[in-house]
Amino acid sequence: MSFAQSAQNLRVDDGHILRGQLQNVNGDWVDAELDLNSCIGNDWGNFQWGGENFSGSSQDINFTVEGDASVPVLRAVIDDGNGGHNQRDLNLGERIQNSDGQLVFI
């Protein structure tokens, strides 16, 4: 299950801070945030899980929760290091989870 299914008011601030309210194990809504620059990098114009500081070489960064499955999608135009720019998207639900009301990278 995507962390977005147990979240509300999800957004990305400053191009790299994922914020919102998540439900903890008691069902309470708690504020949560995760700096995506700490777990996503740029690998020659592609998002890279486990990397760092993707936003420093990206532009037009946006975030949406899509569809009935609440897929949390990060999109950006990423510098490929050779003068080109690639439009890319990343399903944040692949490696980010809700752990008792906290956003965690796995």
Protein backbone atom coordinates (compact mmCIF):
# COMPACT_ATOMS: atom_id res chain seq x y z
CA MET A 1 0.00 0.00 0.00
CA SER A 2 1.28 3.46 -0.89
CA PHE A 3 2.07 5.83 1.98
CA ALA A 4 -0.22 8.29 0.19
CA GLN A 5 -3.23 6.13 1.12
CA SER A 6 -2.64 6.93 4.80
CA ALA A 7 -1.82 10.60 4.23
CA GLN A 8 -3.50 13.93 3.65
CA ASN A 9 -2.36 17.32 2.39
CA LEU A 10 0.72 15.85 0.71
CA ARG A 11 2.95 18.31 -1.12
CA VAL A 12 6.55 18.97 -2.06
CA ASP A 13 7.89 22.30 -0.79
CA ASP A 14 11.04 24.04 -2.03
CA GLY A 15 11.39 21.40 -4.74
CA HIS A 16 12.55 18.67 -2.37
CA ILE A 17 10.71 18.58 1.00
CA LEU A 18 7.86 16.05 1.03
CA ARG A 19 5.33 17.15 3.66
CA GLY A 20 1.89 16.19 4.83
CA GLN A 21 -0.05 14.57 7.64
CA LEU A 22 0.18 10.81 8.09
CA GLN A 23 -1.85 8.46 10.24
CA ASN A 24 0.07 6.73 12.99
CA VAL A 25 -0.81 3.31 14.46
CA ASN A 26 -3.35 4.93 16.80
CA GLY A 27 -5.17 6.54 13.85
CA ASP A 28 -4.02 10.05 14.80
CA TRP A 29 -2.95 12.48 12.09
CA VAL A 30 0.60 13.73 12.65
CA ASP A 31 2.79 16.14 10.69
CA ALA A 32 5.53 14.43 8.72
CA GLU A 33 8.28 15.48 6.34
CA LEU A 34 11.17 13.95 4.44
CA ASP A 35 13.92 15.76 2.55
CA LEU A 36 13.89 13.96 -0.80
CA ASN A 37 17.42 15.26 -1.46
CA SER A 38 18.58 12.82 1.23
CA CYS A 39 17.44 9.77 -0.75
CA ILE A 40 17.12 10.73 -4.44
CA GLY A 41 19.95 11.76 -6.72
CA ASN A 42 20.60 12.46 -10.39
CA ASP A 43 22.20 9.69 -12.46
CA TRP A 44 22.95 11.29 -15.83
CA GLY A 45 19.48 12.77 -16.19
CA ASN A 46 17.55 10.05 -14.37
CA PHE A 47 16.22 9.86 -10.84
CA GLN A 48 18.46 7.65 -8.67
CA TRP A 49 17.19 6.02 -5.47
CA GLY A 50 19.85 6.14 -2.78
CA GLY A 51 21.52 9.20 -4.30
CA GLU A 52 21.47 12.76 -3.04
CA ASN A 53 20.56 16.29 -4.08
CA PHE A 54 18.51 15.63 -7.23
CA SER A 55 16.89 19.07 -6.93
CA GLY A 56 20.20 20.87 -7.47
CA SER A 57 20.26 19.70 -11.08
CA SER A 58 16.50 19.69 -11.74
CA GLN A 59 13.86 22.18 -12.73
CA ASP A 60 10.08 22.22 -13.08
CA ILE A 61 9.79 19.91 -10.05
CA ASN A 62 6.22 18.98 -9.21
CA PHE A 63 4.33 16.36 -7.24
CA THR A 64 0.90 14.77 -7.61
CA VAL A 65 -1.03 11.87 -6.11
CA GLU A 66 -2.64 10.01 -9.00
CA GLY A 67 -5.42 7.52 -9.52
CA ASP A 68 -7.50 5.26 -7.30
CA ALA A 69 -4.32 3.63 -5.97
CA SER A 70 -3.05 7.03 -4.72
CA VAL A 71 0.28 6.79 -6.55
CA PRO A 72 2.61 9.57 -5.30
CA VAL A 73 4.48 10.81 -8.40
CA LEU A 74 7.45 13.19 -8.43
CA ARG A 75 8.20 14.81 -11.80
CA ALA A 76 11.12 16.96 -12.87
CA VAL A 77 13.25 18.03 -15.80
CA ILE A 78 16.70 16.69 -14.91
CA ASP A 79 20.08 17.84 -16.28
CA ASP A 80 21.89 14.93 -17.94
CA GLY A 81 25.39 16.40 -17.45
CA ASN A 82 25.92 16.75 -21.20
CA GLY A 83 23.85 19.87 -21.81
CA GLY A 84 20.57 17.99 -22.20
CA HIS A 85 17.51 17.83 -19.99
CA ASN A 86 15.19 14.87 -19.50
CA GLN A 87 11.57 14.89 -18.34
CA ARG A 88 11.36 12.12 -15.73
CA ASP A 89 8.87 10.82 -13.19
CA LEU A 90 9.30 8.68 -10.09
CA ASN A 91 6.78 6.73 -8.04
CA LEU A 92 7.73 7.74 -4.49
CA GLY A 93 5.70 4.81 -3.15
CA GLU A 94 8.39 2.44 -4.43
CA ARG A 95 10.81 3.33 -1.62
CA ILE A 96 9.04 5.69 0.79
CA GLN A 97 6.69 4.40 3.47
CA ASN A 98 4.59 5.54 6.40
CA SER A 99 6.16 4.14 9.55
CA ASP A 100 3.85 5.01 12.45
CA GLY A 101 3.24 8.52 11.12
CA GLN A 102 6.75 9.18 9.81
CA LEU A 103 7.92 9.27 6.21
CA VAL A 104 10.83 6.86 5.85
CA PHE A 105 13.06 5.86 2.94
CA ILE A 106 13.57 2.10 2.63
